[in-house]
């Protein structure tokens, strides 16, 4: 399974969607896979040190399960965005959501979705993956900022997987995102 690249695809779709695009899944998937392969090949061609770095990059191909995971992340975040934003806003004191960089906000929404809904993914893994994507796609301070916000969310639940209450959510929150074997929804 290639969850790092699946998360990258989901993040790119979320950013495109947040900026007013459709988040065209097929196009973003194709471009992400091509970019990942090209980046791995380039790093491997350079020096022995960068060849070792290329081993840390996600491979460039996604299985059907990976694509389903990326789709479930995208669908879940778009459906539950308002509630996820409420949680992020509560712990990001001094930062309105409008001030937060779009990539950073999409990464935090995605990781928060995983924290609340993906029971088979350790909370620490969701945070670590968001931080790794922030290192590649965010600003200089993005990894620390995202780690701080998501760490606060994780600590606030006292080691237990938190649950969001959707009683007051709008009608779209009653829809279930596409579930896969890898994504367990409450």
N, C-alpha and C. Protein backbone atom coordinates (compact mmCIF):
# COMPACT_ATOMS: atom_id res chain seq x y z
N UNK A 1 0.83 -1.18 0.00
CA UNK A 1 0.00 0.00 0.00
C UNK A 1 0.88 1.25 0.00
N UNK A 2 0.47 2.27 -0.73
CA UNK A 2 1.24 3.50 -0.85
C UNK A 2 0.43 4.67 -0.29
N UNK A 3 0.22 4.65 1.01
CA UNK A 3 -0.59 5.70 1.62
C UNK A 3 0.04 7.09 1.53
N UNK A 4 1.38 7.22 1.60
CA UNK A 4 1.93 8.58 1.46
C UNK A 4 1.53 9.25 0.14
N UNK A 5 1.63 8.53 -0.96
CA UNK A 5 1.23 9.11 -2.25
C UNK A 5 -0.28 9.28 -2.33
N UNK A 6 -1.03 8.37 -1.75
CA UNK A 6 -2.50 8.51 -1.73
C UNK A 6 -2.89 9.78 -0.97
N UNK A 7 -2.20 10.04 0.15
CA UNK A 7 -2.48 11.27 0.90
C UNK A 7 -2.09 12.50 0.09
N UNK A 8 -0.98 12.40 -0.64
CA UNK A 8 -0.57 13.52 -1.49
C UNK A 8 -1.64 13.83 -2.54
N UNK A 9 -2.16 12.79 -3.16
CA UNK A 9 -3.21 12.98 -4.16
C UNK A 9 -4.45 13.60 -3.52
N UNK A 10 -4.85 13.10 -2.36
CA UNK A 10 -6.02 13.66 -1.67
C UNK A 10 -5.78 15.11 -1.30
N UNK A 11 -4.56 15.43 -0.81
CA UNK A 11 -4.24 16.81 -0.44
C UNK A 11 -4.31 17.73 -1.66
N UNK A 12 -3.76 17.29 -2.78
CA UNK A 12 -3.80 18.12 -3.99
C UNK A 12 -5.23 18.33 -4.47
N UNK A 13 -6.04 17.31 -4.38
CA UNK A 13 -7.45 17.45 -4.75
C UNK A 13 -8.15 18.44 -3.82
N UNK A 14 -7.86 18.35 -2.52
CA UNK A 14 -8.49 19.25 -1.55
C UNK A 14 -8.07 20.69 -1.79
N UNK A 15 -6.79 20.91 -2.09
CA UNK A 15 -6.32 22.28 -2.36
C UNK A 15 -6.98 22.82 -3.62
N UNK A 16 -7.02 22.01 -4.69
CA UNK A 16 -7.67 22.45 -5.92
C UNK A 16 -9.13 22.78 -5.68
N UNK A 17 -9.80 21.95 -4.91
CA UNK A 17 -11.22 22.17 -4.58
C UNK A 17 -11.39 23.45 -3.76
N UNK A 18 -10.51 23.64 -2.78
CA UNK A 18 -10.60 24.83 -1.92
C UNK A 18 -10.37 26.11 -2.71
N UNK A 19 -9.58 26.02 -3.77
CA UNK A 19 -9.29 27.19 -4.59
C UNK A 19 -10.30 27.39 -5.72
N UNK A 20 -11.37 26.61 -5.69
CA UNK A 20 -12.45 26.80 -6.64
C UNK A 20 -12.45 25.85 -7.82
N UNK A 21 -11.51 24.92 -7.84
CA UNK A 21 -11.49 23.93 -8.92
C UNK A 21 -12.31 22.71 -8.54
N UNK A 22 -12.29 21.74 -9.41
CA UNK A 22 -13.05 20.53 -9.17
C UNK A 22 -12.27 19.51 -8.38
N UNK A 23 -10.95 19.61 -8.37
CA UNK A 23 -10.15 18.57 -7.76
C UNK A 23 -10.24 17.30 -8.60
N UNK A 24 -10.10 17.46 -9.94
CA UNK A 24 -10.22 16.36 -10.89
C UNK A 24 -9.31 15.21 -10.49
N UNK A 25 -9.92 14.13 -10.02
CA UNK A 25 -9.18 13.00 -9.47
C UNK A 25 -8.25 12.35 -10.48
N UNK A 26 -8.72 12.09 -11.68
CA UNK A 26 -7.90 11.38 -12.67
C UNK A 26 -6.67 12.20 -13.06
N UNK A 27 -6.86 13.49 -13.28
CA UNK A 27 -5.74 14.35 -13.67
C UNK A 27 -4.72 14.45 -12.54
N UNK A 28 -5.19 14.72 -11.33
CA UNK A 28 -4.27 14.87 -10.20
C UNK A 28 -3.56 13.55 -9.92
N UNK A 29 -4.26 12.45 -10.01
CA UNK A 29 -3.63 11.14 -9.81
C UNK A 29 -2.53 10.91 -10.83
N UNK A 30 -2.82 11.16 -12.08
CA UNK A 30 -1.84 10.96 -13.14
C UNK A 30 -0.61 11.84 -12.94
N UNK A 31 -0.83 13.12 -12.65
CA UNK A 31 0.28 14.05 -12.45
C UNK A 31 1.10 13.68 -11.21
N UNK A 32 0.44 13.30 -10.13
CA UNK A 32 1.14 12.94 -8.89
C UNK A 32 2.00 11.70 -9.09
N UNK A 33 1.47 10.71 -9.79
CA UNK A 33 2.24 9.50 -10.04
C UNK A 33 3.46 9.81 -10.90
N UNK A 34 3.28 10.61 -11.93
CA UNK A 34 4.39 10.98 -12.81
C UNK A 34 5.45 11.78 -12.05
N UNK A 35 4.99 12.76 -11.25
CA UNK A 35 5.92 13.58 -10.48
C UNK A 35 6.70 12.74 -9.48
N UNK A 36 6.05 11.81 -8.82
CA UNK A 36 6.73 10.98 -7.82
C UNK A 36 7.80 10.12 -8.48
N UNK A 37 7.49 9.53 -9.62
CA UNK A 37 8.48 8.71 -10.32
C UNK A 37 9.65 9.57 -10.80
N UNK A 38 9.36 10.73 -11.36
CA UNK A 38 10.42 11.61 -11.84
C UNK A 38 11.32 12.07 -10.70
N UNK A 39 10.73 12.40 -9.56
CA UNK A 39 11.50 12.84 -8.41
C UNK A 39 12.39 11.72 -7.88
N UNK A 40 11.88 10.52 -7.82
CA UNK A 40 12.68 9.37 -7.38
C UNK A 40 13.85 9.14 -8.33
N UNK A 41 13.58 9.17 -9.64
CA UNK A 41 14.64 8.93 -10.62
C UNK A 41 15.71 10.02 -10.56
N UNK A 42 15.29 11.27 -10.41
CA UNK A 42 16.25 12.38 -10.34
C UNK A 42 17.14 12.26 -9.11
N UNK A 43 16.56 11.98 -7.98
CA UNK A 43 17.35 11.83 -6.76
C UNK A 43 18.31 10.65 -6.86
N UNK A 44 17.88 9.57 -7.46
CA UNK A 44 18.72 8.38 -7.59
C UNK A 44 19.90 8.65 -8.53
N UNK A 45 19.75 9.54 -9.52
CA UNK A 45 20.81 9.85 -10.47
C UNK A 45 21.88 10.76 -9.89
N UNK A 46 21.59 11.48 -8.86
CA UNK A 46 22.50 12.49 -8.36
C UNK A 46 23.68 11.87 -7.61
N UNK A 47 23.68 11.92 -6.32
CA UNK A 47 24.81 11.43 -5.53
C UNK A 47 24.35 10.27 -4.66
N UNK A 48 25.28 9.55 -4.03
CA UNK A 48 24.87 8.47 -3.13
C UNK A 48 23.94 8.96 -2.01
N UNK A 49 24.19 10.17 -1.52
CA UNK A 49 23.33 10.70 -0.45
C UNK A 49 21.91 10.90 -0.93
N UNK A 50 21.77 11.50 -2.13
CA UNK A 50 20.42 11.74 -2.64
C UNK A 50 19.77 10.44 -3.10
N UNK A 51 20.58 9.45 -3.47
CA UNK A 51 20.01 8.15 -3.81
C UNK A 51 19.33 7.54 -2.59
N UNK A 52 19.94 7.72 -1.42
CA UNK A 52 19.32 7.25 -0.18
C UNK A 52 18.03 8.02 0.11
N UNK A 53 18.04 9.32 -0.19
CA UNK A 53 16.84 10.13 0.01
C UNK A 53 15.70 9.65 -0.88
N UNK A 54 16.04 9.21 -2.09
CA UNK A 54 14.99 8.79 -3.02
C UNK A 54 14.27 7.55 -2.50
N UNK A 55 14.95 6.77 -1.67
CA UNK A 55 14.29 5.59 -1.09
C UNK A 55 13.19 6.02 -0.14
N UNK A 56 13.28 7.23 0.43
CA UNK A 56 12.27 7.71 1.36
C UNK A 56 11.06 8.30 0.65
N UNK A 57 11.19 8.58 -0.64
CA UNK A 57 10.06 9.14 -1.38
C UNK A 57 9.05 8.05 -1.69
N UNK A 58 7.77 8.41 -1.72
CA UNK A 58 6.77 7.39 -2.05
C UNK A 58 6.93 6.92 -3.48
N UNK A 59 6.79 5.61 -3.72
CA UNK A 59 6.82 5.13 -5.10
C UNK A 59 5.69 5.78 -5.89
N UNK A 60 5.80 5.79 -7.20
CA UNK A 60 4.88 6.56 -8.01
C UNK A 60 3.62 5.89 -8.49
N UNK A 61 3.33 4.70 -8.06
CA UNK A 61 2.12 4.02 -8.54
C UNK A 61 1.16 3.75 -7.39
N UNK A 62 -0.11 3.90 -7.69
CA UNK A 62 -1.14 3.64 -6.69
C UNK A 62 -1.99 2.45 -7.12
N UNK A 63 -2.29 1.60 -6.16
CA UNK A 63 -3.19 0.47 -6.40
C UNK A 63 -4.64 0.97 -6.33
N UNK A 64 -5.57 0.09 -6.64
CA UNK A 64 -6.99 0.45 -6.51
C UNK A 64 -7.34 0.78 -5.06
N UNK A 65 -6.72 0.05 -4.11
CA UNK A 65 -6.96 0.34 -2.69
C UNK A 65 -6.44 1.74 -2.32
N UNK A 66 -5.26 2.09 -2.86
CA UNK A 66 -4.69 3.41 -2.59
C UNK A 66 -5.60 4.51 -3.13
N UNK A 67 -6.10 4.31 -4.34
CA UNK A 67 -6.99 5.30 -4.96
C UNK A 67 -8.28 5.40 -4.15
N UNK A 68 -8.80 4.27 -3.69
CA UNK A 68 -10.01 4.30 -2.85
C UNK A 68 -9.74 5.04 -1.55
N UNK A 69 -8.55 4.85 -0.97
CA UNK A 69 -8.18 5.56 0.26
C UNK A 69 -8.12 7.07 0.00
N UNK A 70 -7.47 7.48 -1.10
CA UNK A 70 -7.39 8.91 -1.44
C UNK A 70 -8.79 9.49 -1.66
N UNK A 71 -9.64 8.74 -2.36
CA UNK A 71 -11.02 9.20 -2.60
C UNK A 71 -11.79 9.34 -1.29
N UNK A 72 -11.62 8.36 -0.39
CA UNK A 72 -12.32 8.41 0.90
C UNK A 72 -11.86 9.60 1.72
N UNK A 73 -10.55 9.90 1.69
CA UNK A 73 -10.06 11.09 2.40
C UNK A 73 -10.67 12.36 1.82
N UNK A 74 -10.64 12.48 0.50
CA UNK A 74 -11.20 13.66 -0.15
C UNK A 74 -12.68 13.80 0.17
N UNK A 75 -13.44 12.71 0.00
CA UNK A 75 -14.88 12.75 0.26
C UNK A 75 -15.17 13.08 1.72
N UNK A 76 -14.46 12.44 2.63
CA UNK A 76 -14.68 12.67 4.06
C UNK A 76 -14.40 14.10 4.47
N UNK A 77 -13.30 14.64 3.99
CA UNK A 77 -12.95 16.02 4.34
C UNK A 77 -13.96 16.99 3.75
N UNK A 78 -14.38 16.78 2.51
CA UNK A 78 -15.32 17.72 1.92
C UNK A 78 -16.69 17.64 2.60
N UNK A 79 -17.11 16.44 2.99
CA UNK A 79 -18.40 16.30 3.68
C UNK A 79 -18.36 16.90 5.08
N UNK A 80 -17.29 16.65 5.82
CA UNK A 80 -17.22 17.07 7.22
C UNK A 80 -16.36 18.31 7.44
N UNK A 81 -16.12 19.07 6.38
CA UNK A 81 -15.22 20.22 6.46
C UNK A 81 -15.61 21.21 7.55
N UNK A 82 -16.87 21.53 7.66
CA UNK A 82 -17.29 22.53 8.66
C UNK A 82 -16.96 22.07 10.08
N UNK A 83 -17.23 20.82 10.39
CA UNK A 83 -16.93 20.31 11.73
C UNK A 83 -15.43 20.22 11.96
N UNK A 84 -14.69 19.78 10.95
CA UNK A 84 -13.23 19.72 11.08
C UNK A 84 -12.66 21.12 11.29
N UNK A 85 -13.21 22.10 10.56
CA UNK A 85 -12.77 23.48 10.74
C UNK A 85 -13.06 24.00 12.14
N UNK A 86 -14.19 23.61 12.71
CA UNK A 86 -14.50 24.02 14.08
C UNK A 86 -13.44 23.51 15.05
N UNK A 87 -13.06 22.26 14.89
CA UNK A 87 -12.04 21.67 15.77
C UNK A 87 -10.71 22.38 15.59
N UNK A 88 -10.30 22.60 14.34
CA UNK A 88 -9.03 23.26 14.07
C UNK A 88 -9.05 24.69 14.62
N UNK A 89 -10.17 25.39 14.43
CA UNK A 89 -10.27 26.77 14.91
C UNK A 89 -10.16 26.84 16.44
N UNK A 90 -10.73 25.85 17.14
CA UNK A 90 -10.67 25.86 18.60
C UNK A 90 -9.24 25.77 19.12
N UNK A 91 -8.41 24.99 18.44
CA UNK A 91 -7.05 24.79 18.95
C UNK A 91 -6.02 25.72 18.32
N UNK A 92 -6.41 26.45 17.30
CA UNK A 92 -5.45 27.37 16.66
C UNK A 92 -5.70 28.79 17.15
N UNK A 93 -5.56 28.97 18.44
CA UNK A 93 -5.83 30.28 19.03
C UNK A 93 -4.93 31.34 18.41
N UNK A 94 -5.53 32.45 18.10
CA UNK A 94 -4.80 33.55 17.48
C UNK A 94 -4.73 33.45 15.97
N UNK A 95 -5.24 32.38 15.42
CA UNK A 95 -5.22 32.18 13.97
C UNK A 95 -6.65 31.93 13.49
N UNK A 96 -7.16 32.84 12.69
CA UNK A 96 -8.45 32.55 12.06
C UNK A 96 -8.17 31.61 10.89
N UNK A 97 -9.14 30.83 10.52
CA UNK A 97 -8.94 29.89 9.42
C UNK A 97 -8.58 30.62 8.13
N UNK A 98 -9.07 31.84 7.96
CA UNK A 98 -8.78 32.62 6.76
C UNK A 98 -7.30 32.99 6.68
N UNK A 99 -6.62 33.07 7.82
CA UNK A 99 -5.19 33.42 7.85
C UNK A 99 -4.29 32.23 7.58
N UNK A 100 -4.82 31.03 7.72
CA UNK A 100 -4.00 29.82 7.56
C UNK A 100 -3.85 29.52 6.07
N UNK A 101 -2.63 29.23 5.67
CA UNK A 101 -2.32 28.88 4.29
C UNK A 101 -3.22 27.74 3.83
N UNK A 102 -3.66 27.78 2.59
CA UNK A 102 -4.60 26.80 2.05
C UNK A 102 -4.03 25.38 2.13
N UNK A 103 -2.76 25.20 1.77
CA UNK A 103 -2.15 23.86 1.83
C UNK A 103 -2.13 23.37 3.27
N UNK A 104 -1.71 24.25 4.19
CA UNK A 104 -1.65 23.86 5.60
C UNK A 104 -3.02 23.47 6.13
N UNK A 105 -4.02 24.27 5.80
CA UNK A 105 -5.38 23.99 6.27
C UNK A 105 -5.90 22.67 5.70
N UNK A 106 -5.64 22.42 4.42
CA UNK A 106 -6.08 21.16 3.82
C UNK A 106 -5.38 19.97 4.46
N UNK A 107 -4.10 20.10 4.76
CA UNK A 107 -3.37 19.02 5.43
C UNK A 107 -3.93 18.78 6.83
N UNK A 108 -4.24 19.84 7.56
CA UNK A 108 -4.79 19.67 8.90
C UNK A 108 -6.19 19.07 8.85
N UNK A 109 -6.99 19.48 7.89
CA UNK A 109 -8.33 18.88 7.75
C UNK A 109 -8.21 17.39 7.47
N UNK A 110 -7.30 17.04 6.56
CA UNK A 110 -7.14 15.65 6.18
C UNK A 110 -6.67 14.80 7.37
N UNK A 111 -5.67 15.29 8.10
CA UNK A 111 -5.17 14.54 9.25
C UNK A 111 -6.22 14.47 10.35
N UNK A 112 -6.95 15.57 10.57
CA UNK A 112 -8.02 15.56 11.58
C UNK A 112 -9.10 14.56 11.19
N UNK A 113 -9.42 14.49 9.91
CA UNK A 113 -10.39 13.49 9.46
C UNK A 113 -9.89 12.09 9.79
N UNK A 114 -8.62 11.82 9.51
CA UNK A 114 -8.05 10.51 9.83
C UNK A 114 -8.12 10.24 11.34
N UNK A 115 -7.80 11.25 12.13
CA UNK A 115 -7.82 11.10 13.59
C UNK A 115 -9.22 10.71 14.07
N UNK A 116 -10.24 11.36 13.53
CA UNK A 116 -11.61 11.13 13.99
C UNK A 116 -12.27 9.89 13.38
N UNK A 117 -11.89 9.52 12.17
CA UNK A 117 -12.65 8.49 11.47
C UNK A 117 -11.89 7.25 11.04
N UNK A 118 -10.60 7.28 10.96
CA UNK A 118 -9.83 6.13 10.45
C UNK A 118 -9.22 5.37 11.61
N UNK A 119 -10.00 4.49 12.19
CA UNK A 119 -9.61 3.79 13.41
C UNK A 119 -8.39 2.90 13.24
N UNK A 120 -8.14 2.41 12.05
CA UNK A 120 -7.01 1.52 11.84
C UNK A 120 -5.71 2.26 11.55
N UNK A 121 -5.73 3.58 11.52
CA UNK A 121 -4.52 4.37 11.32
C UNK A 121 -4.16 5.02 12.64
N UNK A 122 -2.97 4.74 13.17
CA UNK A 122 -2.57 5.36 14.43
C UNK A 122 -2.59 6.89 14.31
N UNK A 123 -3.02 7.54 15.37
CA UNK A 123 -3.10 9.00 15.37
C UNK A 123 -1.74 9.60 15.04
N UNK A 124 -0.67 9.05 15.63
CA UNK A 124 0.68 9.57 15.39
C UNK A 124 1.05 9.46 13.91
N UNK A 125 0.62 8.40 13.25
CA UNK A 125 0.91 8.24 11.82
C UNK A 125 0.22 9.31 10.99
N UNK A 126 -1.02 9.63 11.34
CA UNK A 126 -1.75 10.68 10.62
C UNK A 126 -1.04 12.02 10.76
N UNK A 127 -0.57 12.31 11.97
CA UNK A 127 0.14 13.56 12.21
C UNK A 127 1.47 13.57 11.46
N UNK A 128 2.23 12.49 11.57
CA UNK A 128 3.53 12.41 10.91
C UNK A 128 3.41 12.57 9.39
N UNK A 129 2.41 11.94 8.81
CA UNK A 129 2.23 12.05 7.35
C UNK A 129 1.88 13.48 6.95
N UNK A 130 1.05 14.15 7.74
CA UNK A 130 0.71 15.54 7.43
C UNK A 130 1.95 16.42 7.52
N UNK A 131 2.78 16.18 8.52
CA UNK A 131 4.02 16.96 8.68
C UNK A 131 4.96 16.71 7.50
N UNK A 132 5.07 15.46 7.07
CA UNK A 132 5.94 15.14 5.93
C UNK A 132 5.45 15.83 4.65
N UNK A 133 4.15 15.84 4.43
CA UNK A 133 3.61 16.54 3.27
C UNK A 133 3.83 18.05 3.39
N UNK A 134 3.75 18.57 4.60
CA UNK A 134 3.99 20.00 4.82
C UNK A 134 5.44 20.36 4.49
N UNK A 135 6.37 19.47 4.77
CA UNK A 135 7.78 19.71 4.44
C UNK A 135 7.96 19.83 2.93
N UNK A 136 7.17 19.08 2.17
CA UNK A 136 7.30 19.10 0.71
C UNK A 136 6.48 20.19 0.05
N UNK A 137 5.31 20.50 0.61
CA UNK A 137 4.39 21.39 -0.09
C UNK A 137 4.05 22.68 0.65
N UNK A 138 4.41 22.76 1.92
CA UNK A 138 4.08 23.94 2.71
C UNK A 138 5.22 24.93 2.79
N UNK A 139 5.04 25.94 3.60
CA UNK A 139 6.07 26.93 3.83
C UNK A 139 7.09 26.44 4.85
N UNK A 140 8.07 27.28 5.12
CA UNK A 140 9.14 26.92 6.05
C UNK A 140 8.62 26.57 7.44
N UNK A 141 7.61 27.28 7.90
CA UNK A 141 7.10 27.06 9.25
C UNK A 141 5.90 26.11 9.29
N UNK A 142 5.47 25.65 8.14
CA UNK A 142 4.29 24.79 8.06
C UNK A 142 4.41 23.50 8.87
N UNK A 143 5.53 22.77 8.77
CA UNK A 143 5.60 21.50 9.51
C UNK A 143 5.41 21.68 11.02
N UNK A 144 6.07 22.68 11.60
CA UNK A 144 5.95 22.91 13.04
C UNK A 144 4.53 23.37 13.40
N UNK A 145 3.96 24.24 12.59
CA UNK A 145 2.61 24.74 12.85
C UNK A 145 1.60 23.59 12.80
N UNK A 146 1.67 22.79 11.76
CA UNK A 146 0.74 21.67 11.59
C UNK A 146 0.93 20.65 12.72
N UNK A 147 2.17 20.35 13.05
CA UNK A 147 2.45 19.42 14.14
C UNK A 147 1.85 19.93 15.45
N UNK A 148 1.98 21.22 15.71
CA UNK A 148 1.45 21.80 16.93
C UNK A 148 -0.07 21.71 17.01
N UNK A 149 -0.74 22.07 15.93
CA UNK A 149 -2.20 22.05 15.91
C UNK A 149 -2.71 20.61 16.06
N UNK A 150 -2.16 19.71 15.25
CA UNK A 150 -2.62 18.32 15.29
C UNK A 150 -2.24 17.65 16.60
N UNK A 151 -1.08 17.98 17.15
CA UNK A 151 -0.69 17.45 18.45
C UNK A 151 -1.64 17.88 19.54
N UNK A 152 -2.09 19.13 19.46
CA UNK A 152 -3.05 19.63 20.45
C UNK A 152 -4.37 18.89 20.32
N UNK A 153 -4.81 18.65 19.09
CA UNK A 153 -6.04 17.88 18.90
C UNK A 153 -5.88 16.49 19.50
N UNK A 154 -4.75 15.84 19.23
CA UNK A 154 -4.50 14.49 19.74
C UNK A 154 -4.44 14.46 21.26
N UNK A 155 -3.75 15.43 21.86
CA UNK A 155 -3.64 15.47 23.33
C UNK A 155 -4.98 15.77 23.99
N UNK A 156 -5.81 16.53 23.31
CA UNK A 156 -7.11 16.89 23.90
C UNK A 156 -8.02 15.68 24.05
N UNK A 157 -7.71 14.61 23.35
CA UNK A 157 -8.56 13.42 23.45
C UNK A 157 -8.03 12.44 24.49
N UNK A 158 -6.93 12.76 25.16
CA UNK A 158 -6.42 11.94 26.25
C UNK A 158 -6.03 10.53 25.85
N UNK A 159 -5.48 10.37 24.65
CA UNK A 159 -5.03 9.05 24.23
C UNK A 159 -6.10 8.17 23.62
N UNK A 160 -7.35 8.58 23.71
CA UNK A 160 -8.45 7.81 23.12
C UNK A 160 -8.80 8.43 21.78
N UNK A 161 -9.30 7.62 20.88
CA UNK A 161 -9.70 8.16 19.58
C UNK A 161 -10.95 9.00 19.79
N UNK A 162 -10.86 10.28 19.46
CA UNK A 162 -12.01 11.18 19.68
C UNK A 162 -13.13 10.92 18.69
N UNK A 163 -14.29 11.36 19.07
CA UNK A 163 -15.46 11.28 18.19
C UNK A 163 -16.07 12.66 18.08
N UNK A 164 -16.47 13.01 16.89
CA UNK A 164 -17.17 14.27 16.68
C UNK A 164 -18.66 14.02 16.78
N UNK A 165 -19.37 15.00 17.29
CA UNK A 165 -20.82 14.92 17.32
C UNK A 165 -21.35 15.67 16.10
N UNK A 166 -22.20 15.02 15.33
CA UNK A 166 -22.72 15.64 14.13
C UNK A 166 -24.21 15.96 14.24
N UNK A 167 -24.71 15.99 15.46
CA UNK A 167 -26.13 16.28 15.64
C UNK A 167 -26.51 17.65 15.08
N UNK A 168 -25.59 18.62 15.21
CA UNK A 168 -25.89 19.96 14.75
C UNK A 168 -25.31 20.26 13.37
N UNK A 169 -24.76 19.26 12.72
CA UNK A 169 -24.16 19.47 11.40
C UNK A 169 -25.25 19.64 10.35
N UNK A 170 -24.85 20.23 9.24
CA UNK A 170 -25.83 20.46 8.19
C UNK A 170 -26.21 19.13 7.52
N UNK A 171 -27.14 19.17 6.60
CA UNK A 171 -27.70 17.96 6.01
C UNK A 171 -26.66 17.12 5.28
N UNK A 172 -25.63 17.75 4.71
CA UNK A 172 -24.64 16.96 3.97
C UNK A 172 -23.82 16.08 4.89
N UNK A 173 -23.75 16.40 6.16
CA UNK A 173 -22.98 15.58 7.09
C UNK A 173 -23.64 14.24 7.34
N UNK A 174 -24.89 14.10 6.95
CA UNK A 174 -25.56 12.82 7.11
C UNK A 174 -25.12 11.82 6.05
N UNK A 175 -24.48 12.32 4.99
CA UNK A 175 -23.98 11.42 3.95
C UNK A 175 -22.72 10.75 4.46
N UNK A 176 -22.53 9.51 4.11
CA UNK A 176 -21.32 8.78 4.48
C UNK A 176 -20.33 8.86 3.34
N UNK A 177 -19.05 9.18 3.62
CA UNK A 177 -18.06 9.11 2.56
C UNK A 177 -17.90 7.65 2.11
N UNK A 178 -17.36 7.48 0.93
CA UNK A 178 -17.14 6.12 0.42
C UNK A 178 -16.24 5.36 1.36
N UNK A 179 -16.73 4.27 1.91
CA UNK A 179 -15.95 3.47 2.84
C UNK A 179 -15.16 2.42 2.07
N UNK A 180 -13.96 2.14 2.54
CA UNK A 180 -13.15 1.07 1.99
C UNK A 180 -12.76 0.17 3.15
N UNK A 181 -12.12 -0.93 2.85
CA UNK A 181 -11.62 -1.80 3.92
C UNK A 181 -10.64 -1.07 4.80
N UNK A 182 -10.00 -0.04 4.27
CA UNK A 182 -8.96 0.66 5.00
C UNK A 182 -9.48 1.87 5.76
N UNK A 183 -10.71 2.26 5.54
CA UNK A 183 -11.25 3.44 6.18
C UNK A 183 -12.49 3.02 6.96
N UNK A 184 -12.42 3.15 8.25
CA UNK A 184 -13.54 2.78 9.10
C UNK A 184 -14.20 4.07 9.57
N UNK A 185 -15.45 4.23 9.26
CA UNK A 185 -16.19 5.44 9.62
C UNK A 185 -17.10 5.15 10.79
N UNK A 186 -17.24 6.14 11.66
CA UNK A 186 -18.15 5.95 12.80
C UNK A 186 -19.55 6.32 12.41
